[in-house]
Protein backbone atom coordinates (compact mmCIF):
# COMPACT_ATOMS: atom_id res chain seq x y z
CA MET A 1 -1.11 -12.38 24.18
CA THR A 2 -4.41 -13.85 23.38
CA GLN A 3 -4.20 -17.63 22.55
CA ASP A 4 -5.05 -19.19 18.85
CA ILE A 5 -8.12 -21.08 20.33
CA PRO A 6 -10.42 -22.85 17.48
CA GLN A 7 -13.93 -20.50 16.80
CA ALA A 8 -17.16 -21.26 18.62
CA PRO A 9 -19.12 -24.07 16.70
CA GLN A 10 -22.19 -23.15 15.58
CA VAL A 11 -25.35 -24.21 17.35
CA ALA A 12 -28.08 -26.96 16.19
CA ALA A 13 -31.14 -26.49 16.94
CA HIS A 14 -32.02 -30.33 16.79
CA SER A 15 -29.38 -33.10 17.23
CA GLN A 16 -29.42 -36.46 15.92
CA THR A 17 -26.37 -37.36 17.54
CA SER A 18 -25.84 -39.97 19.73
CA GLU A 19 -25.08 -39.86 23.48
CA ASP A 20 -21.36 -40.40 22.94
CA ASP A 21 -20.71 -37.99 19.96
CA ILE A 22 -22.95 -35.32 22.83
CA ALA A 23 -19.90 -36.79 25.16
CA ALA A 24 -17.04 -35.73 23.05
CA LEU A 25 -18.48 -33.27 21.89
CA MET A 26 -18.96 -31.15 25.08
CA LEU A 27 -15.29 -32.49 26.37
CA ASP A 28 -14.46 -30.40 23.47
CA VAL A 29 -16.28 -27.58 24.34
CA GLY A 30 -14.38 -28.13 28.05
CA ARG A 31 -11.05 -27.71 26.90
CA LYS A 32 -11.85 -24.79 24.93
CA ALA A 33 -13.26 -23.67 27.72
CA ARG A 34 -10.11 -24.08 30.01
CA ALA A 35 -7.71 -22.89 27.44
CA ALA A 36 -9.91 -19.44 26.83
CA ALA A 37 -9.52 -19.42 31.04
CA ASN A 38 -5.64 -19.62 31.20
CA THR A 39 -6.47 -16.40 28.78
CA LEU A 40 -8.69 -14.49 30.51
CA ALA A 41 -7.22 -15.21 33.83
CA ILE A 42 -4.30 -12.54 32.73
CA THR A 43 -6.33 -10.39 30.74
CA THR A 44 -5.99 -6.97 31.29
CA THR A 45 -9.34 -4.95 33.12
CA GLN A 46 -9.26 -2.93 29.48
CA LYS A 47 -9.40 -5.23 27.66
CA LYS A 48 -12.49 -7.16 29.68
CA ASN A 49 -14.43 -3.78 29.76
CA ASP A 50 -13.59 -3.49 25.85
CA ALA A 51 -15.41 -6.50 25.22
CA LEU A 52 -18.47 -5.66 27.81
CA LEU A 53 -19.14 -2.53 26.56
CA ALA A 54 -18.35 -3.71 22.53
CA ALA A 55 -21.11 -6.64 23.38
CA ALA A 56 -23.52 -3.97 25.03
CA THR A 57 -23.23 -1.64 22.04
CA ALA A 58 -24.09 -4.85 19.55
CA ILE A 59 -27.15 -5.50 22.00
CA HIS A 60 -28.43 -1.77 21.17
CA ASP A 61 -27.69 -2.43 17.21
CA GLN A 62 -28.86 -5.37 16.93
CA ALA A 63 -32.22 -5.49 18.81
CA ASP A 64 -34.62 -5.94 15.82
CA ILE A 65 -33.08 -9.43 15.01
CA ILE A 66 -33.04 -10.26 18.57
CA LEU A 67 -36.94 -9.44 18.48
CA ALA A 68 -37.24 -11.79 15.71
CA ALA A 69 -35.77 -14.36 17.26
CA ASN A 70 -37.63 -13.66 20.31
CA THR A 71 -40.90 -13.80 18.69
CA LYS A 72 -40.05 -17.10 16.68
CA ASP A 73 -39.56 -18.63 20.63
CA LEU A 74 -43.15 -17.34 21.65
CA GLU A 75 -44.92 -18.35 18.88
CA THR A 76 -43.07 -22.31 20.19
CA ALA A 77 -44.49 -21.01 23.77
CA ALA A 78 -48.24 -20.46 22.40
CA SER A 79 -48.32 -23.75 20.44
CA ASN A 80 -46.92 -25.55 23.60
CA ASN A 81 -49.90 -24.11 25.62
CA MET A 82 -46.91 -22.32 27.91
CA SER A 83 -48.28 -20.31 31.00
CA ASP A 84 -48.71 -16.75 31.17
CA ALA A 85 -45.78 -16.44 33.73
CA LEU A 86 -43.10 -18.35 31.59
CA LYS A 87 -43.92 -16.63 28.40
CA ASP A 88 -43.79 -13.26 30.84
CA ARG A 89 -39.57 -14.58 31.38
CA LEU A 90 -39.37 -15.83 28.43
CA MET A 91 -41.05 -12.13 26.56
CA LEU A 92 -38.20 -9.54 25.47
CA ASP A 93 -39.08 -5.83 24.25
CA HIS A 94 -37.18 -2.91 23.92
CA ASP A 95 -37.26 -2.26 27.16
CA ARG A 96 -35.76 -5.58 28.16
CA ILE A 97 -33.25 -5.74 25.52
CA ASN A 98 -31.90 -1.70 26.28
CA ALA A 99 -31.76 -2.93 29.90
CA MET A 100 -29.60 -5.86 28.97
CA ALA A 101 -27.19 -3.80 27.26
CA THR A 102 -27.15 -1.58 30.68
CA GLY A 103 -26.52 -3.91 32.26
CA LEU A 104 -23.18 -5.23 30.66
CA GLU A 105 -22.57 -1.22 30.91
CA ALA A 106 -22.75 -1.69 34.58
CA ILE A 107 -20.49 -4.89 34.25
CA ALA A 108 -17.60 -2.71 33.15
CA ALA A 109 -17.89 -0.31 35.22
CA LEU A 110 -17.54 -2.41 38.18
CA ALA A 111 -14.48 -2.67 39.62
CA ASP A 112 -12.02 -5.46 38.56
CA PRO A 113 -11.99 -8.41 41.35
CA VAL A 114 -9.47 -10.11 40.11
CA GLY A 115 -6.18 -9.54 42.56
CA GLU A 116 -8.10 -7.46 44.82
CA LEU A 117 -5.63 -7.77 47.74
CA ILE A 118 -8.20 -8.79 50.28
CA ALA A 119 -6.32 -9.67 53.82
CA GLU A 120 -2.49 -9.32 54.24
CA TRP A 121 -0.27 -10.01 57.28
CA ARG A 122 3.08 -10.26 58.59
CA ARG A 123 3.58 -13.35 60.66
CA PRO A 124 6.88 -12.98 63.78
CA ASN A 125 9.17 -14.98 61.12
CA GLY A 126 9.21 -12.22 58.53
CA LEU A 127 7.15 -14.16 56.32
CA GLU A 128 4.71 -11.31 54.35
CA ILE A 129 1.49 -13.15 53.48
CA SER A 130 -1.51 -11.92 51.83
CA ARG A 131 -4.71 -13.47 50.62
CA VAL A 132 -5.96 -12.03 46.73
CA ARG A 133 -8.90 -12.77 44.60
CA THR A 134 -8.68 -14.80 41.31
CA PRO A 135 -10.85 -16.41 38.95
CA LEU A 136 -12.83 -19.83 39.29
CA GLY A 137 -11.78 -21.10 35.98
CA VAL A 138 -14.69 -22.81 34.13
CA ILE A 139 -18.20 -21.68 34.82
CA GLY A 140 -21.25 -23.82 33.48
CA ILE A 141 -24.81 -22.18 33.34
CA ILE A 142 -27.88 -24.43 33.15
CA TYR A 143 -30.84 -21.78 33.24
CA GLU A 144 -34.37 -22.21 31.16
CA SER A 145 -36.59 -19.67 29.68
CA ARG A 146 -34.96 -16.33 30.72
CA PRO A 147 -32.74 -15.27 27.53
CA ASN A 148 -31.32 -12.39 29.26
CA VAL A 149 -29.78 -14.96 31.39
CA THR A 150 -27.33 -15.05 28.24
CA ALA A 151 -26.01 -11.82 28.60
CA ASP A 152 -25.57 -11.38 32.42
CA ALA A 153 -23.71 -14.60 33.16
CA GLY A 154 -21.60 -14.73 30.37
CA ALA A 155 -21.12 -10.87 30.98
CA LEU A 156 -20.19 -11.48 34.44
CA CYS A 157 -17.85 -14.40 33.88
CA LEU A 158 -16.11 -12.42 31.47
CA LYS A 159 -15.35 -9.58 34.15
CA ALA A 160 -14.06 -12.11 37.07
CA GLY A 161 -11.99 -13.61 34.30
CA ASN A 162 -13.42 -16.58 33.80
CA ALA A 163 -14.51 -18.80 31.04
CA SER A 164 -18.17 -19.60 30.26
CA ILE A 165 -19.95 -22.74 29.06
CA LEU A 166 -23.93 -21.59 28.64
CA ARG A 167 -26.55 -24.12 28.16
CA GLY A 168 -30.11 -22.17 28.06
CA GLY A 169 -33.65 -24.01 27.71
CA SER A 170 -35.11 -25.11 24.47
CA ASP A 171 -37.66 -22.29 24.79
CA SER A 172 -35.43 -20.12 24.00
CA PHE A 173 -33.17 -21.04 22.11
CA HIS A 174 -32.93 -18.54 18.76
CA SER A 175 -33.42 -15.90 21.68
CA SER A 176 -30.31 -17.01 23.52
CA ASN A 177 -28.66 -17.89 20.20
CA ALA A 178 -29.18 -13.84 19.25
CA ILE A 179 -27.67 -12.78 22.44
CA HIS A 180 -24.70 -14.84 22.32
CA GLN A 181 -23.98 -13.73 18.94
CA CYS A 182 -23.38 -10.11 20.42
CA LEU A 183 -21.09 -11.49 23.26
CA LEU A 184 -18.91 -13.28 20.59
CA ALA A 185 -19.11 -9.46 18.79
CA GLY A 186 -17.54 -7.86 22.22
CA LEU A 187 -15.13 -10.52 22.09
CA GLN A 188 -13.81 -10.25 18.66
CA HIS A 189 -13.33 -6.87 18.88
CA ALA A 190 -11.41 -6.75 22.04
CA ALA A 191 -9.19 -9.96 20.63
CA LEU A 192 -10.30 -12.47 22.77
CA PRO A 193 -10.45 -15.99 22.64
CA SER A 194 -14.30 -16.21 20.87
CA VAL A 195 -14.64 -19.46 23.22
CA ALA A 196 -14.35 -17.53 26.48
CA ILE A 197 -18.20 -17.48 26.25
CA GLN A 198 -19.63 -20.85 24.75
CA MET A 199 -22.98 -21.48 23.93
CA VAL A 200 -23.74 -25.66 24.49
CA PRO A 201 -24.20 -26.54 20.50
CA THR A 202 -27.07 -28.99 21.23
CA ILE A 203 -30.43 -29.36 22.88
CA ASP A 204 -30.30 -33.09 23.92
CA ARG A 205 -30.28 -32.84 27.21
CA ALA A 206 -27.63 -35.35 27.22
CA ALA A 207 -25.48 -32.16 26.78
CA VAL A 208 -26.53 -31.29 30.57
CA GLY A 209 -25.68 -34.88 31.95
CA ALA A 210 -21.91 -34.16 30.65
CA MET A 211 -21.81 -31.03 32.01
CA LEU A 212 -22.72 -32.42 35.40
CA THR A 213 -19.64 -35.05 35.28
CA GLY A 214 -17.16 -31.70 34.93
CA LEU A 215 -15.95 -32.87 31.55
CA GLU A 216 -12.99 -34.40 32.44
CA GLY A 217 -11.81 -31.41 34.73
CA ASN A 218 -12.35 -29.09 32.69
CA MET A 219 -15.72 -27.06 34.49
CA ASP A 220 -15.21 -25.64 37.73
CA VAL A 221 -18.48 -24.30 39.39
CA ILE A 222 -22.19 -25.24 37.71
CA VAL A 223 -24.85 -22.87 38.16
CA PRO A 224 -28.12 -24.46 37.55
CA ARG A 225 -31.05 -21.49 37.30
CA GLY A 226 -34.55 -23.10 36.88
CA GLY A 227 -37.57 -24.98 38.02
CA LYS A 228 -37.06 -26.71 41.46
CA SER A 229 -36.46 -30.12 39.07
CA LEU A 230 -33.56 -28.86 37.24
CA VAL A 231 -31.60 -27.21 40.14
CA SER A 232 -32.57 -30.82 42.19
CA ARG A 233 -30.74 -32.83 39.50
CA VAL A 234 -27.99 -30.93 39.25
CA GLN A 235 -27.68 -30.91 43.09
CA GLN A 236 -27.56 -34.68 42.84
CA ASP A 237 -25.82 -35.43 40.21
CA ALA A 238 -23.28 -32.69 39.84
CA ARG A 239 -19.42 -34.20 40.61
CA VAL A 240 -18.34 -30.23 40.73
CA PRO A 241 -19.14 -27.89 43.57
CA VAL A 242 -23.03 -25.88 42.58
CA PHE A 243 -23.97 -22.87 43.12
CA ALA A 244 -27.95 -23.49 43.50
CA HIS A 245 -30.39 -20.96 42.97
CA LEU A 246 -33.49 -22.88 44.41
CA GLU A 247 -37.21 -21.83 44.00
CA GLY A 248 -38.08 -18.34 45.55
CA LEU A 249 -40.68 -19.38 48.32
CA VAL A 250 -40.71 -15.75 49.51
CA HIS A 251 -42.34 -14.40 52.63
CA THR A 252 -43.20 -10.96 53.61
CA TYR A 253 -44.49 -10.25 57.25
CA ILE A 254 -46.60 -7.36 58.32
CA ASP A 255 -46.03 -6.47 61.74
CA VAL A 256 -48.69 -5.19 64.04
CA SER A 257 -46.25 -2.20 64.42
CA ALA A 258 -46.40 -1.44 60.37
CA ASP A 259 -47.35 1.79 58.73
CA PRO A 260 -50.71 0.72 56.86
CA ASP A 261 -50.16 2.06 54.22
CA MET A 262 -46.33 1.41 53.59
CA ALA A 263 -47.74 -1.77 53.83
CA LEU A 264 -50.44 -1.63 51.20
CA ALA A 265 -47.50 -0.07 48.94
CA ILE A 266 -45.32 -2.93 49.21
CA VAL A 267 -47.39 -6.05 49.33
CA LEU A 268 -49.03 -4.81 46.10
CA ASN A 269 -45.57 -3.98 44.28
CA ALA A 270 -43.88 -7.13 45.57
CA LYS A 271 -46.71 -9.82 44.86
CA MET A 272 -47.52 -7.92 41.10
CA ARG A 273 -44.87 -5.73 39.71
CA ARG A 274 -44.05 -8.72 38.16
CA THR A 275 -44.88 -12.04 39.45
CA GLY A 276 -43.15 -14.54 37.54
CA VAL A 277 -39.23 -13.87 38.90
CA CYS A 278 -37.93 -15.59 41.44
CA GLY A 279 -38.34 -12.22 43.77
CA ALA A 280 -42.01 -11.96 43.60
CA THR A 281 -43.86 -12.34 46.94
CA GLU A 282 -45.44 -15.76 47.22
CA THR A 283 -46.82 -16.28 50.94
CA LEU A 284 -48.00 -12.91 53.18
CA LEU A 285 -47.94 -13.53 56.88
CA ILE A 286 -49.59 -10.80 59.05
CA ASP A 287 -49.72 -10.24 63.20
CA ARG A 288 -53.57 -11.97 63.87
CA ASN A 289 -53.56 -8.26 66.20
CA GLY A 290 -56.21 -6.43 64.20
CA ALA A 291 -55.51 -8.60 61.24
CA LYS A 292 -58.97 -8.38 59.59
CA GLU A 293 -58.95 -4.43 59.81
CA ARG A 294 -54.92 -3.89 58.08
CA LEU A 295 -55.83 -6.60 55.71
CA LEU A 296 -58.83 -5.07 54.10
CA PRO A 297 -57.24 -2.74 52.01
CA ILE A 298 -54.59 -4.94 51.35
CA VAL A 299 -56.66 -8.03 50.00
CA THR A 300 -59.27 -5.61 48.20
CA ALA A 301 -55.60 -4.19 46.11
CA LEU A 302 -54.76 -7.66 45.44
CA LEU A 303 -58.50 -8.74 44.20
CA ASP A 304 -58.84 -5.89 42.30
CA ALA A 305 -55.12 -5.88 40.54
CA GLY A 306 -56.59 -9.51 39.55
CA CYS A 307 -54.59 -11.82 41.69
CA GLU A 308 -56.10 -14.51 43.76
CA VAL A 309 -56.16 -14.90 47.54
CA ARG A 310 -55.62 -18.14 49.09
CA GLY A 311 -56.51 -17.51 52.78
CA ASP A 312 -56.52 -19.02 56.07
CA GLU A 313 -60.23 -18.90 57.94
CA THR A 314 -59.65 -15.43 59.42
CA VAL A 315 -58.46 -14.18 55.98
CA GLY A 316 -61.74 -15.92 54.10
CA LEU A 317 -63.73 -13.59 56.49
CA ILE A 318 -62.74 -10.65 54.79
CA ASP A 319 -63.95 -11.25 51.23
CA GLN A 320 -65.90 -13.66 49.81
CA ARG A 321 -63.68 -13.73 46.50
CA ILE A 322 -61.05 -15.19 49.08
CA ILE A 323 -60.26 -19.37 48.37
CA PRO A 324 -59.43 -21.23 51.05
CA VAL A 325 -55.76 -21.81 51.16
CA LYS A 326 -54.97 -25.57 51.21
CA LEU A 327 -51.46 -27.43 53.34
CA ASN A 328 -49.12 -27.45 49.76
CA ASP A 329 -50.13 -23.81 49.10
CA TRP A 330 -47.67 -22.63 52.12
CA SER A 331 -44.81 -24.49 50.06
CA THR A 332 -45.87 -23.61 46.74
CA GLU A 333 -43.86 -20.88 44.16
CA TYR A 334 -46.55 -19.82 41.98
CA LEU A 335 -44.48 -17.41 39.57
CA ASP A 336 -48.20 -16.11 38.88
CA ALA A 337 -50.60 -13.72 40.17
CA ILE A 338 -51.75 -15.66 43.67
CA ILE A 339 -50.45 -15.35 46.43
CA SER A 340 -51.63 -17.04 50.25
CA ILE A 341 -52.42 -14.93 53.27
CA LYS A 342 -52.06 -16.40 56.70
CA CYS A 343 -52.54 -14.88 60.46
CA VAL A 344 -49.91 -15.54 62.51
CA ASP A 345 -48.85 -14.81 66.26
CA GLY A 346 -46.80 -11.88 65.79
CA VAL A 347 -42.85 -12.44 64.74
CA ALA A 348 -42.21 -15.59 66.54
CA GLY A 349 -45.35 -16.86 64.74
CA ALA A 350 -43.96 -15.61 61.35
CA ILE A 351 -40.34 -17.03 61.53
CA ALA A 352 -41.94 -20.34 62.99
CA HIS A 353 -43.55 -20.59 59.14
CA ILE A 354 -40.88 -19.43 57.03
CA GLU A 355 -38.64 -21.57 58.76
CA ARG A 356 -40.94 -24.56 58.23
CA TYR A 357 -41.85 -23.57 54.16
CA SER A 358 -38.84 -20.82 53.46
CA SER A 359 -36.67 -21.91 50.78
CA HIS A 360 -34.02 -19.32 51.93
CA HIS A 361 -34.50 -17.22 49.29
CA THR A 362 -35.81 -13.84 50.50
CA GLU A 363 -38.20 -12.52 53.30
CA CYS A 364 -39.21 -9.37 54.19
CA ILE A 365 -40.43 -7.69 57.59
CA ILE A 366 -42.74 -4.78 57.36
CA ALA A 367 -42.45 -2.82 60.95
CA GLU A 368 -41.83 0.19 62.78
CA ASN A 369 -41.03 -1.74 66.38
CA PRO A 370 -36.95 -2.45 66.44
CA VAL A 371 -37.24 -5.03 68.57
CA ALA A 372 -39.22 -6.78 66.44
CA VAL A 373 -37.15 -5.76 63.42
CA ALA A 374 -34.21 -6.99 64.82
CA THR A 375 -35.62 -10.38 66.04
CA PHE A 376 -36.79 -10.98 62.39
CA LEU A 377 -33.49 -9.84 60.37
CA ASN A 378 -31.03 -12.00 62.84
CA GLU A 379 -33.29 -15.25 63.44
CA VAL A 380 -34.49 -15.92 59.32
CA ASP A 381 -31.90 -17.89 57.99
CA SER A 382 -32.69 -16.62 54.15
CA ALA A 383 -30.13 -15.41 51.63
CA ILE A 384 -32.01 -11.96 51.73
CA VAL A 385 -33.84 -10.35 54.48
CA MET A 386 -35.24 -7.05 54.20
CA HIS A 387 -37.11 -4.28 56.36
CA ASN A 388 -39.78 -2.18 54.97
CA ALA A 389 -38.86 -2.64 51.01
CA SER A 390 -40.55 -4.74 48.39
CA THR A 391 -39.33 -8.34 47.72
CA GLN A 392 -39.04 -7.59 43.63
CA PHE A 393 -35.58 -5.48 44.95
CA ALA A 394 -33.78 -9.08 45.59
CA ASP A 395 -32.15 -8.86 42.38
CA GLY A 396 -28.01 -8.36 41.64
CA GLY A 397 -28.65 -5.48 39.77
CA GLU A 398 -30.81 -3.41 42.62
CA PHE A 399 -27.99 -4.45 44.64
CA GLY A 400 -25.48 -2.48 42.69
CA MET A 401 -23.79 -5.54 41.29
CA GLY A 402 -24.78 -5.07 37.51
CA ALA A 403 -26.49 -8.04 37.16
CA GLU A 404 -26.39 -11.89 38.70
CA ILE A 405 -26.31 -15.34 37.52
CA GLY A 406 -28.93 -15.95 40.20
CA ILE A 407 -29.86 -15.96 43.89
CA ALA A 408 -27.82 -18.27 45.84
CA THR A 409 -30.03 -19.89 48.13
CA GLY A 410 -27.35 -22.61 49.81
CA ARG A 411 -25.01 -21.38 52.64
CA MET A 412 -21.40 -21.96 51.28
CA HIS A 413 -19.42 -19.23 49.37
CA ALA A 414 -21.45 -17.94 47.23
CA ARG A 415 -25.00 -16.53 49.12
CA GLY A 416 -27.53 -13.94 47.43
CA PRO A 417 -26.88 -12.68 44.64
CA ILE A 418 -24.06 -13.98 42.45
CA GLY A 419 -22.03 -11.09 40.99
CA VAL A 420 -18.44 -10.84 40.16
CA GLU A 421 -17.17 -11.34 43.68
CA GLN A 422 -19.25 -14.32 43.81
CA LEU A 423 -17.51 -15.70 41.24
CA THR A 424 -13.90 -15.44 42.34
CA SER A 425 -11.71 -17.46 44.49
CA PHE A 426 -8.37 -16.37 46.34
CA LYS A 427 -5.02 -17.79 46.93
CA TYR A 428 -2.62 -16.93 49.12
CA VAL A 429 0.99 -15.26 47.96
CA VAL A 430 3.89 -15.27 50.63
CA HIS A 431 6.84 -13.49 50.38
CA GLY A 432 9.94 -14.63 52.32
CA SER A 433 13.34 -13.24 52.72
CA GLY A 434 15.15 -16.80 53.32
CA GLN A 435 13.10 -18.26 55.45
CA VAL A 436 13.47 -21.73 56.20
CA ARG A 437 11.10 -24.07 58.82
CA PRO A 438 13.19 -25.42 61.61
């Protein structure tokens, strides 16, 4: 039975409250989330799916309202001289709204991870032991710019039986709240607590600090999704576990064995399909053996597509429009129509460069030589390693996970796209028949 939990507060765009008031406000949010999490942990798959499908319908039905809210955010972004790359992340249109709704429907269609039997065994003394998936509890998501994260994060947490506390960026304030109202409609339709998915009711940055404290034990995990400064702050100050989505300093390496036409198509897509996503290739590496001839059509296509190319000395000989690369380019996530290109000594040189500069997000090799492919895939230590495919596929939806909260670049528990399975823990269930330990 659903608990009698207070309704979610209305979010205020501007707050004049003191830091103590915000701490008290956030503690109340945390307590409500904990109560909701206790309900969700035992909620049936059908009720969770009903909520998700109803939310998807609401997003479809409220598309014009969401677009109007997004227009307000875009107007503010323009007045603040936001970069084109960030505005692309912020911008919604009918296609992106439909994609959000479709994502919720895809999450509803996924198998429910809660209660899944992971492993089971029988001990010589007759004890029967099993490991079973359980929700994490209360998950805080701190994100910037992308309003679609509101739908993805809330839905994924719900499917995995978790309550969520969402803290979107001030730049996407109106858009995120319009989307959140659709999620609330879904929860109401399924008779689930409205505070199962909460938006932080203030844009004051002190709310982030309160979340990082863990809200007196009422928050179990924090997922930051945004710029490097945000992620670094969360990692440094959080008193609860963090699934860190660091910057996407993504590399694509073209081996001497690569098919030239395939390499051209992949690189152009990996860089230019959407330059502001974390899976966009930022650095192109190529085997210096025949590099000039292989690079000519790729560089020409990138330049003609409006991409700024920064290259080392060898690359610079190809086209006078190429800008000499600087040392800090190798460690820069552009999130824009800019790419750095370097010639390396085969797969070993590519791996060495990636090891030095990568954020361990996604790396790709374009090659036909099976030895080079195996070496790259085995030795590159990133969350996602790819072969002969655009790095723009580094996405939970493209992996068949419905959606994702982010791409975790750490090495603990969740790594790569964070979907419903990564938002669970487990417990051991032990059945005996009267055994006592000697």
